[in-house]
Amino acid sequence: MQGRGMKQFLSAALMFSGSLFAGDVKIEDPWIRAMPPSSPATAAFMVISNRSDKVVAVTGGTCPVAGEVRPMITTLSKVGGREVAGMEFVSSFSVPPGKKRVLEPGGDHIMLMKLKDVPKAGTTVPMVIWIESGGHREKISLEVPVR
């Protein structure tokens, strides 16, 4: 990891609050998709690594530009004998012990809805991601680039 990617990784790691997951959950390459000024929503993408021995769940978050920050998964269903991709809001998605969950365009992601201010490409937006494990809730604070 070099340059900007390393800086984003270190920023996320250093801004992590609390000690429950300290060193166990890492967020790499976070970014928010730039959208036209009239857009009511956008999405955040990242790689979430769980180095603990317990399942962690991403339950949502907060962001000053959005009224709601919620996990969304991709779904596949059969319609007329054809497989159709869709999206579904969930209360959380999990990251198994020792695994990574990749949030990417066309796949699972975090929705930023009811935008109060549409993030512009080239800017950085503060964002908090909530994670839970064993009944404990912690937050990871990020500075997320918009691209």
Protein backbone atom coordinates (compact mmCIF):
# COMPACT_ATOMS: atom_id res chain seq x y z
CA MET A 1 0.00 0.00 0.00
CA GLN A 2 1.50 3.31 -1.02
CA GLY A 3 0.70 6.99 -1.19
CA ARG A 4 -2.94 7.96 -0.90
CA GLY A 5 -4.12 4.42 -0.05
CA MET A 6 -1.70 4.15 2.87
CA LYS A 7 -2.71 7.61 4.10
CA GLN A 8 -6.42 6.65 4.03
CA PHE A 9 -5.71 3.36 5.81
CA LEU A 10 -3.67 5.05 8.53
CA SER A 11 -6.27 7.78 8.92
CA ALA A 12 -9.01 5.19 9.49
CA ALA A 13 -6.85 3.14 11.85
CA LEU A 14 -5.75 6.13 13.93
CA MET A 15 -9.24 7.59 14.21
CA PHE A 16 -10.74 4.33 15.50
CA SER A 17 -12.43 4.98 18.83
CA GLY A 18 -12.61 2.59 21.75
CA SER A 19 -10.65 -0.55 22.53
CA LEU A 20 -13.08 -3.41 21.95
CA PHE A 21 -11.91 -4.00 18.39
CA ALA A 22 -8.66 -2.01 18.51
CA GLY A 23 -6.38 -3.51 15.91
CA ASP A 24 -8.97 -6.11 14.91
CA VAL A 25 -11.09 -4.23 12.35
CA LYS A 26 -9.39 -2.32 9.56
CA ILE A 27 -10.96 -0.26 6.81
CA GLU A 28 -9.01 0.20 3.60
CA ASP A 29 -9.59 2.34 0.52
CA PRO A 30 -12.84 4.02 1.60
CA TRP A 31 -14.50 6.25 -1.00
CA ILE A 32 -17.84 7.84 -1.78
CA ARG A 33 -19.25 8.02 -5.30
CA ALA A 34 -19.65 11.56 -6.66
CA MET A 35 -23.15 12.22 -7.96
CA PRO A 36 -24.96 14.99 -9.87
CA PRO A 37 -26.21 17.90 -7.70
CA SER A 38 -29.85 16.74 -7.81
CA SER A 39 -29.15 13.20 -6.51
CA PRO A 40 -31.01 12.14 -3.37
CA ALA A 41 -28.46 9.40 -2.51
CA THR A 42 -24.98 8.05 -3.11
CA ALA A 43 -22.92 5.09 -1.87
CA ALA A 44 -19.76 4.44 0.12
CA PHE A 45 -17.35 1.64 -0.70
CA MET A 46 -14.42 0.14 1.19
CA VAL A 47 -12.73 -3.07 2.27
CA ILE A 48 -13.47 -4.12 5.86
CA SER A 49 -11.04 -6.64 7.39
CA ASN A 50 -11.85 -8.54 10.58
CA ARG A 51 -8.72 -9.86 12.26
CA SER A 52 -10.52 -10.90 15.44
CA ASP A 53 -11.78 -14.35 16.41
CA LYS A 54 -15.40 -13.12 16.51
CA VAL A 55 -17.93 -12.12 13.87
CA VAL A 56 -18.35 -8.36 13.59
CA ALA A 57 -21.41 -6.69 12.09
CA VAL A 58 -21.54 -3.38 10.23
CA THR A 59 -24.81 -1.80 11.34
CA GLY A 60 -24.76 1.60 9.63
CA GLY A 61 -23.26 4.91 10.48
CA THR A 62 -23.52 8.65 10.32
CA CYS A 63 -22.36 11.27 7.86
CA PRO A 64 -23.03 15.03 7.94
CA VAL A 65 -24.10 15.09 4.27
CA ALA A 66 -26.72 12.33 4.66
CA GLY A 67 -29.90 11.90 6.67
CA GLU A 68 -29.48 8.10 6.70
CA VAL A 69 -26.47 5.76 6.41
CA ARG A 70 -27.50 2.11 5.95
CA PRO A 71 -25.98 -1.19 4.79
CA MET A 72 -27.26 -2.54 1.48
CA ILE A 73 -26.66 -5.94 -0.09
CA THR A 74 -27.04 -7.19 -3.63
CA THR A 75 -29.59 -9.90 -4.23
CA LEU A 76 -30.23 -12.40 -7.01
CA SER A 77 -33.71 -13.71 -7.76
CA LYS A 78 -35.39 -15.69 -10.52
CA VAL A 79 -37.93 -13.79 -12.60
CA GLY A 80 -39.42 -15.58 -15.57
CA GLY A 81 -36.62 -18.14 -15.47
CA ARG A 82 -33.93 -15.43 -15.56
CA GLU A 83 -31.65 -14.32 -12.76
CA VAL A 84 -32.21 -10.68 -11.85
CA ALA A 85 -29.88 -8.63 -9.65
CA GLY A 86 -31.34 -6.23 -7.13
CA MET A 87 -30.51 -4.40 -3.91
CA GLU A 88 -31.95 -4.76 -0.42
CA PHE A 89 -31.49 -2.77 2.77
CA VAL A 90 -30.43 -4.86 5.74
CA SER A 91 -30.04 -4.03 9.42
CA SER A 92 -26.41 -5.20 9.21
CA PHE A 93 -23.96 -7.31 7.32
CA SER A 94 -21.30 -9.45 8.93
CA VAL A 95 -17.59 -9.92 8.49
CA PRO A 96 -16.53 -13.41 9.66
CA PRO A 97 -13.41 -13.87 11.80
CA GLY A 98 -10.22 -13.61 9.78
CA LYS A 99 -12.06 -12.49 6.63
CA LYS A 100 -12.64 -9.37 4.54
CA ARG A 101 -15.84 -7.91 3.17
CA VAL A 102 -15.43 -5.91 0.00
CA LEU A 103 -17.97 -3.14 -0.52
CA GLU A 104 -17.85 -2.20 -4.20
CA PRO A 105 -19.90 -0.77 -7.06
CA GLY A 106 -22.36 -3.41 -8.28
CA GLY A 107 -22.09 -5.26 -4.97
CA ASP A 108 -22.66 -4.72 -1.27
CA HIS A 109 -22.20 -1.12 -0.13
CA ILE A 110 -23.27 1.50 2.37
CA MET A 111 -26.00 3.86 1.18
CA LEU A 112 -25.96 7.54 2.05
CA MET A 113 -29.55 8.68 1.63
CA LYS A 114 -31.61 11.82 2.06
CA LEU A 115 -28.58 13.86 1.07
CA LYS A 116 -28.43 17.28 2.70
CA ASP A 117 -25.46 18.24 0.55
CA VAL A 118 -24.26 16.24 -2.47
CA PRO A 119 -20.54 15.43 -2.02
CA LYS A 120 -18.35 16.74 -4.85
CA ALA A 121 -15.49 14.84 -6.50
CA GLY A 122 -12.12 15.79 -5.06
CA THR A 123 -13.48 16.60 -1.59
CA THR A 124 -13.31 14.58 1.61
CA VAL A 125 -16.30 13.78 3.82
CA PRO A 126 -16.23 12.70 7.49
CA MET A 127 -18.10 9.48 8.13
CA VAL A 128 -18.66 7.13 11.07
CA ILE A 129 -19.19 3.40 10.58
CA TRP A 130 -20.87 1.50 13.44
CA ILE A 131 -19.70 -2.04 14.16
CA GLU A 132 -20.98 -4.55 16.72
CA SER A 133 -19.69 -7.77 18.20
CA GLY A 134 -20.78 -9.70 21.28
CA GLY A 135 -23.37 -7.08 22.21
CA HIS A 136 -20.86 -4.22 22.14
CA ARG A 137 -21.08 -1.33 19.69
CA GLU A 138 -18.11 0.76 18.58
CA LYS A 139 -17.48 3.33 15.89
CA ILE A 140 -14.79 3.83 13.31
CA SER A 141 -14.36 7.44 12.22
CA LEU A 142 -13.14 8.03 8.69
CA GLU A 143 -12.27 10.87 6.37
CA VAL A 144 -13.60 9.54 3.07
CA PRO A 145 -12.55 10.89 -0.35
CA VAL A 146 -15.24 11.53 -2.96
CA ARG A 147 -14.47 10.33 -6.48
